[in-house]
């Protein structure tokens, strides 16, 4: 049985997934800081006296909608925390499983791709807040968690 996904393809998939997730969290941070600045709610009190604030407001495109102000800032901070608690561990685990051969390349490529799609979907739905039913947020979270557990299984037990 020939593999459709080589080790190089697996590592390329992992690299792409890492880049997508890094860009996603960068966008989340950008939008959170932008909303924080627009709602004039500094992260720490002395931030309000920053001489570069007018320049930063222009650089962060602080005009138009603030996406809900303090409520969006809360969601953005929660999402960033959630991403930090889930994504790095999976990426490191997947990388190690791929490099050591603990996971078959085909399965590894699939798990990384599905995990990445689930995390992007989770983030988008999470930022919508109470505009959508929590089942829409929970579903991609559970899919990503299942990918994490499956990859951990390959790392813990020689499942090949």
C-alpha atoms as a PDB file:
ATOM      1  CA  UNK A   1       0.000   0.000   0.000  1.00  0.00           C
ATOM      2  CA  UNK A   2       1.599   3.257  -1.071  1.00  0.00           C
ATOM      3  CA  UNK A   3       1.275   6.385   0.993  1.00  0.00           C
ATOM      4  CA  UNK A   4      -0.215   9.452  -0.644  1.00  0.00           C
ATOM      5  CA  UNK A   5       1.405  11.745   1.898  1.00  0.00           C
ATOM      6  CA  UNK A   6       5.199  11.559   2.199  1.00  0.00           C
ATOM      7  CA  UNK A   7       7.114  12.693   5.275  1.00  0.00           C
ATOM      8  CA  UNK A   8       8.037  15.866   3.381  1.00  0.00           C
ATOM      9  CA  UNK A   9       4.364  16.483   2.536  1.00  0.00           C
ATOM     10  CA  UNK A  10       3.443  15.878   6.185  1.00  0.00           C
ATOM     11  CA  UNK A  11       6.010  18.422   7.355  1.00  0.00           C
ATOM     12  CA  UNK A  12       4.866  20.902   4.685  1.00  0.00           C
ATOM     13  CA  UNK A  13       1.273  20.420   5.860  1.00  0.00           C
ATOM     14  CA  UNK A  14       2.394  21.009   9.451  1.00  0.00           C
ATOM     15  CA  UNK A  15       4.305  24.143   8.419  1.00  0.00           C
ATOM     16  CA  UNK A  16       1.275  25.488   6.550  1.00  0.00           C
ATOM     17  CA  UNK A  17      -0.995  24.721   9.505  1.00  0.00           C
ATOM     18  CA  UNK A  18       1.401  26.527  11.854  1.00  0.00           C
ATOM     19  CA  UNK A  19       1.442  29.561   9.560  1.00  0.00           C
ATOM     20  CA  UNK A  20      -2.363  29.616   9.285  1.00  0.00           C
ATOM     21  CA  UNK A  21      -2.803  29.369  13.060  1.00  0.00           C
ATOM     22  CA  UNK A  22      -0.114  32.018  13.682  1.00  0.00           C
ATOM     23  CA  UNK A  23      -1.813  34.394  11.230  1.00  0.00           C
ATOM     24  CA  UNK A  24      -5.182  33.687  12.861  1.00  0.00           C
ATOM     25  CA  UNK A  25      -3.955  34.537  16.356  1.00  0.00           C
ATOM     26  CA  UNK A  26      -2.220  37.633  14.974  1.00  0.00           C
ATOM     27  CA  UNK A  27      -5.551  38.779  13.516  1.00  0.00           C
ATOM     28  CA  UNK A  28      -7.310  38.048  16.819  1.00  0.00           C
ATOM     29  CA  UNK A  29      -4.736  40.132  18.704  1.00  0.00           C
ATOM     30  CA  UNK A  30      -4.978  42.948  16.141  1.00  0.00           C
ATOM     31  CA  UNK A  31      -8.785  43.085  16.368  1.00  0.00           C
ATOM     32  CA  UNK A  32      -8.715  42.873  20.170  1.00  0.00           C
ATOM     33  CA  UNK A  33      -6.209  45.705  20.560  1.00  0.00           C
ATOM     34  CA  UNK A  34      -8.090  47.752  17.957  1.00  0.00           C
ATOM     35  CA  UNK A  35     -11.383  47.325  19.838  1.00  0.00           C
ATOM     36  CA  UNK A  36      -9.673  48.077  23.150  1.00  0.00           C
ATOM     37  CA  UNK A  37      -8.264  51.326  21.758  1.00  0.00           C
ATOM     38  CA  UNK A  38     -11.564  52.329  20.179  1.00  0.00           C
ATOM     39  CA  UNK A  39     -13.469  51.738  23.417  1.00  0.00           C
ATOM     40  CA  UNK A  40     -10.830  53.796  25.266  1.00  0.00           C
ATOM     41  CA  UNK A  41     -10.300  50.981  27.769  1.00  0.00           C
ATOM     42  CA  UNK A  42      -6.509  50.620  28.113  1.00  0.00           C
ATOM     43  CA  UNK A  43      -5.079  47.260  29.165  1.00  0.00           C
ATOM     44  CA  UNK A  44      -3.149  49.036  31.934  1.00  0.00           C
ATOM     45  CA  UNK A  45      -3.951  52.531  33.260  1.00  0.00           C
ATOM     46  CA  UNK A  46      -0.734  54.219  32.096  1.00  0.00           C
ATOM     47  CA  UNK A  47      -1.406  53.182  28.462  1.00  0.00           C
ATOM     48  CA  UNK A  48      -3.820  56.117  28.173  1.00  0.00           C
ATOM     49  CA  UNK A  49      -0.910  58.563  28.430  1.00  0.00           C
ATOM     50  CA  UNK A  50       1.098  57.026  25.583  1.00  0.00           C
ATOM     51  CA  UNK A  51       2.357  59.815  23.313  1.00  0.00           C
ATOM     52  CA  UNK A  52       2.176  57.480  20.304  1.00  0.00           C
ATOM     53  CA  UNK A  53      -1.530  56.769  20.823  1.00  0.00           C
ATOM     54  CA  UNK A  54      -2.696  58.885  17.852  1.00  0.00           C
ATOM     55  CA  UNK A  55      -0.202  57.130  15.564  1.00  0.00           C
ATOM     56  CA  UNK A  56      -1.220  53.706  16.891  1.00  0.00           C
ATOM     57  CA  UNK A  57      -4.907  54.512  16.396  1.00  0.00           C
ATOM     58  CA  UNK A  58      -4.232  55.251  12.720  1.00  0.00           C
ATOM     59  CA  UNK A  59      -1.952  52.226  12.307  1.00  0.00           C
ATOM     60  CA  UNK A  60      -4.600  49.962  13.848  1.00  0.00           C
ATOM     61  CA  UNK A  61      -7.335  51.410  11.624  1.00  0.00           C
ATOM     62  CA  UNK A  62      -9.357  52.670  14.602  1.00  0.00           C
ATOM     63  CA  UNK A  63     -12.354  53.938  12.695  1.00  0.00           C
ATOM     64  CA  UNK A  64     -15.690  52.396  11.837  1.00  0.00           C
ATOM     65  CA  UNK A  65     -17.079  49.563  13.917  1.00  0.00           C
ATOM     66  CA  UNK A  66     -15.313  48.491  17.095  1.00  0.00           C
ATOM     67  CA  UNK A  67     -17.081  45.094  16.847  1.00  0.00           C
ATOM     68  CA  UNK A  68     -18.752  45.532  20.230  1.00  0.00           C
ATOM     69  CA  UNK A  69     -16.083  47.346  22.253  1.00  0.00           C
ATOM     70  CA  UNK A  70     -15.471  45.887  25.707  1.00  0.00           C
ATOM     71  CA  UNK A  71     -17.558  42.807  24.919  1.00  0.00           C
ATOM     72  CA  UNK A  72     -15.412  42.048  21.860  1.00  0.00           C
ATOM     73  CA  UNK A  73     -12.231  42.698  23.861  1.00  0.00           C
ATOM     74  CA  UNK A  74     -13.415  40.130  26.409  1.00  0.00           C
ATOM     75  CA  UNK A  75     -14.111  37.590  23.646  1.00  0.00           C
ATOM     76  CA  UNK A  76     -10.771  38.284  21.949  1.00  0.00           C
ATOM     77  CA  UNK A  77      -8.834  37.826  25.174  1.00  0.00           C
ATOM     78  CA  UNK A  78     -10.692  34.596  25.983  1.00  0.00           C
ATOM     79  CA  UNK A  79     -10.085  33.303  22.463  1.00  0.00           C
ATOM     80  CA  UNK A  80      -6.362  34.120  22.621  1.00  0.00           C
ATOM     81  CA  UNK A  81      -6.149  32.217  25.915  1.00  0.00           C
ATOM     82  CA  UNK A  82      -8.029  29.263  24.409  1.00  0.00           C
ATOM     83  CA  UNK A  83      -5.727  29.202  21.379  1.00  0.00           C
ATOM     84  CA  UNK A  84      -2.631  29.327  23.598  1.00  0.00           C
ATOM     85  CA  UNK A  85      -3.976  26.407  25.638  1.00  0.00           C
ATOM     86  CA  UNK A  86      -4.678  24.192  22.612  1.00  0.00           C
ATOM     87  CA  UNK A  87      -2.773  24.953  19.428  1.00  0.00           C
ATOM     88  CA  UNK A  88       0.929  24.943  20.411  1.00  0.00           C
ATOM     89  CA  UNK A  89       0.635  21.576  22.144  1.00  0.00           C
ATOM     90  CA  UNK A  90      -0.978  19.954  19.121  1.00  0.00           C
ATOM     91  CA  UNK A  91       1.547  21.443  16.695  1.00  0.00           C
ATOM     92  CA  UNK A  92       4.536  20.288  18.752  1.00  0.00           C
ATOM     93  CA  UNK A  93       2.994  16.851  19.260  1.00  0.00           C
ATOM     94  CA  UNK A  94       2.192  16.495  15.560  1.00  0.00           C
ATOM     95  CA  UNK A  95       5.692  17.611  14.590  1.00  0.00           C
ATOM     96  CA  UNK A  96       7.332  15.132  16.936  1.00  0.00           C
ATOM     97  CA  UNK A  97       5.021  12.295  15.875  1.00  0.00           C
ATOM     98  CA  UNK A  98       5.751  13.067  12.234  1.00  0.00           C
ATOM     99  CA  UNK A  99       9.522  13.316  12.634  1.00  0.00           C
ATOM    100  CA  UNK A 100       9.778  10.121  14.672  1.00  0.00           C
ATOM    101  CA  UNK A 101       7.396   8.171  12.451  1.00  0.00           C
ATOM    102  CA  UNK A 102       4.959   7.569  15.323  1.00  0.00           C
ATOM    103  CA  UNK A 103       2.040   8.570  13.087  1.00  0.00           C
ATOM    104  CA  UNK A 104       1.570   7.341   9.508  1.00  0.00           C
ATOM    105  CA  UNK A 105       2.061  10.281   7.151  1.00  0.00           C
ATOM    106  CA  UNK A 106      -1.425   9.999   5.596  1.00  0.00           C
ATOM    107  CA  UNK A 107      -3.136  10.026   8.968  1.00  0.00           C
ATOM    108  CA  UNK A 108      -0.859  12.785  10.248  1.00  0.00           C
ATOM    109  CA  UNK A 109      -1.646  15.005   7.241  1.00  0.00           C
ATOM    110  CA  UNK A 110      -5.358  14.437   7.740  1.00  0.00           C
ATOM    111  CA  UNK A 111      -5.255  15.130  11.496  1.00  0.00           C
ATOM    112  CA  UNK A 112      -3.234  18.330  11.039  1.00  0.00           C
ATOM    113  CA  UNK A 113      -5.531  19.595   8.271  1.00  0.00           C
ATOM    114  CA  UNK A 114      -8.738  18.803  10.149  1.00  0.00           C
ATOM    115  CA  UNK A 115      -7.343  20.267  13.402  1.00  0.00           C
ATOM    116  CA  UNK A 116      -6.378  23.496  11.640  1.00  0.00           C
ATOM    117  CA  UNK A 117      -9.756  23.850   9.938  1.00  0.00           C
ATOM    118  CA  UNK A 118     -11.536  23.134  13.222  1.00  0.00           C
ATOM    119  CA  UNK A 119      -9.495  25.738  15.110  1.00  0.00           C
ATOM    120  CA  UNK A 120     -10.088  28.405  12.457  1.00  0.00           C
ATOM    121  CA  UNK A 121     -13.824  27.625  12.481  1.00  0.00           C
ATOM    122  CA  UNK A 122     -13.887  27.657  16.298  1.00  0.00           C
ATOM    123  CA  UNK A 123     -12.215  31.071  16.374  1.00  0.00           C
ATOM    124  CA  UNK A 124     -14.583  32.613  13.856  1.00  0.00           C
ATOM    125  CA  UNK A 125     -17.652  31.341  15.652  1.00  0.00           C
ATOM    126  CA  UNK A 126     -16.233  32.244  19.081  1.00  0.00           C
ATOM    127  CA  UNK A 127     -15.800  35.884  18.057  1.00  0.00           C
ATOM    128  CA  UNK A 128     -19.458  36.041  17.022  1.00  0.00           C
ATOM    129  CA  UNK A 129     -20.316  35.621  20.703  1.00  0.00           C
ATOM    130  CA  UNK A 130     -23.990  35.348  21.544  1.00  0.00           C
ATOM    131  CA  UNK A 131     -24.988  35.935  17.905  1.00  0.00           C
ATOM    132  CA  UNK A 132     -24.786  32.166  17.354  1.00  0.00           C
ATOM    133  CA  UNK A 133     -25.762  29.088  19.317  1.00  0.00           C
ATOM    134  CA  UNK A 134     -22.897  27.651  21.364  1.00  0.00           C
ATOM    135  CA  UNK A 135     -23.303  24.316  19.562  1.00  0.00           C
ATOM    136  CA  UNK A 136     -21.719  25.969  16.522  1.00  0.00           C
ATOM    137  CA  UNK A 137     -18.680  26.819  18.650  1.00  0.00           C
ATOM    138  CA  UNK A 138     -18.573  23.515  20.526  1.00  0.00           C
ATOM    139  CA  UNK A 139     -18.606  21.344  17.406  1.00  0.00           C
ATOM    140  CA  UNK A 140     -15.307  22.576  15.902  1.00  0.00           C
ATOM    141  CA  UNK A 141     -13.764  22.617  19.387  1.00  0.00           C
ATOM    142  CA  UNK A 142     -14.650  18.940  19.903  1.00  0.00           C
ATOM    143  CA  UNK A 143     -13.369  18.046  16.412  1.00  0.00           C
ATOM    144  CA  UNK A 144     -10.030  19.743  17.191  1.00  0.00           C
ATOM    145  CA  UNK A 145      -9.878  18.044  20.593  1.00  0.00           C
ATOM    146  CA  UNK A 146     -10.533  14.655  18.967  1.00  0.00           C
ATOM    147  CA  UNK A 147      -7.638  15.288  16.536  1.00  0.00           C
ATOM    148  CA  UNK A 148      -5.450  16.157  19.518  1.00  0.00           C
ATOM    149  CA  UNK A 149      -6.370  12.944  21.353  1.00  0.00           C
ATOM    150  CA  UNK A 150      -5.835  10.846  18.229  1.00  0.00           C
ATOM    151  CA  UNK A 151      -2.386  12.356  17.658  1.00  0.00           C
ATOM    152  CA  UNK A 152      -1.576  11.815  21.347  1.00  0.00           C
ATOM    153  CA  UNK A 153      -2.602   8.175  20.921  1.00  0.00           C
ATOM    154  CA  UNK A 154      -0.055   7.783  18.142  1.00  0.00           C
ATOM    155  CA  UNK A 155       2.564   9.441  20.322  1.00  0.00           C
ATOM    156  CA  UNK A 156       1.818   7.354  23.404  1.00  0.00           C
ATOM    157  CA  UNK A 157       1.051   3.961  21.919  1.00  0.00           C
ATOM    158  CA  UNK A 158       2.695   2.587  18.821  1.00  0.00           C
ATOM    159  CA  UNK A 159      -0.604   2.538  16.886  1.00  0.00           C
ATOM    160  CA  UNK A 160       0.888   2.137  13.406  1.00  0.00           C
END
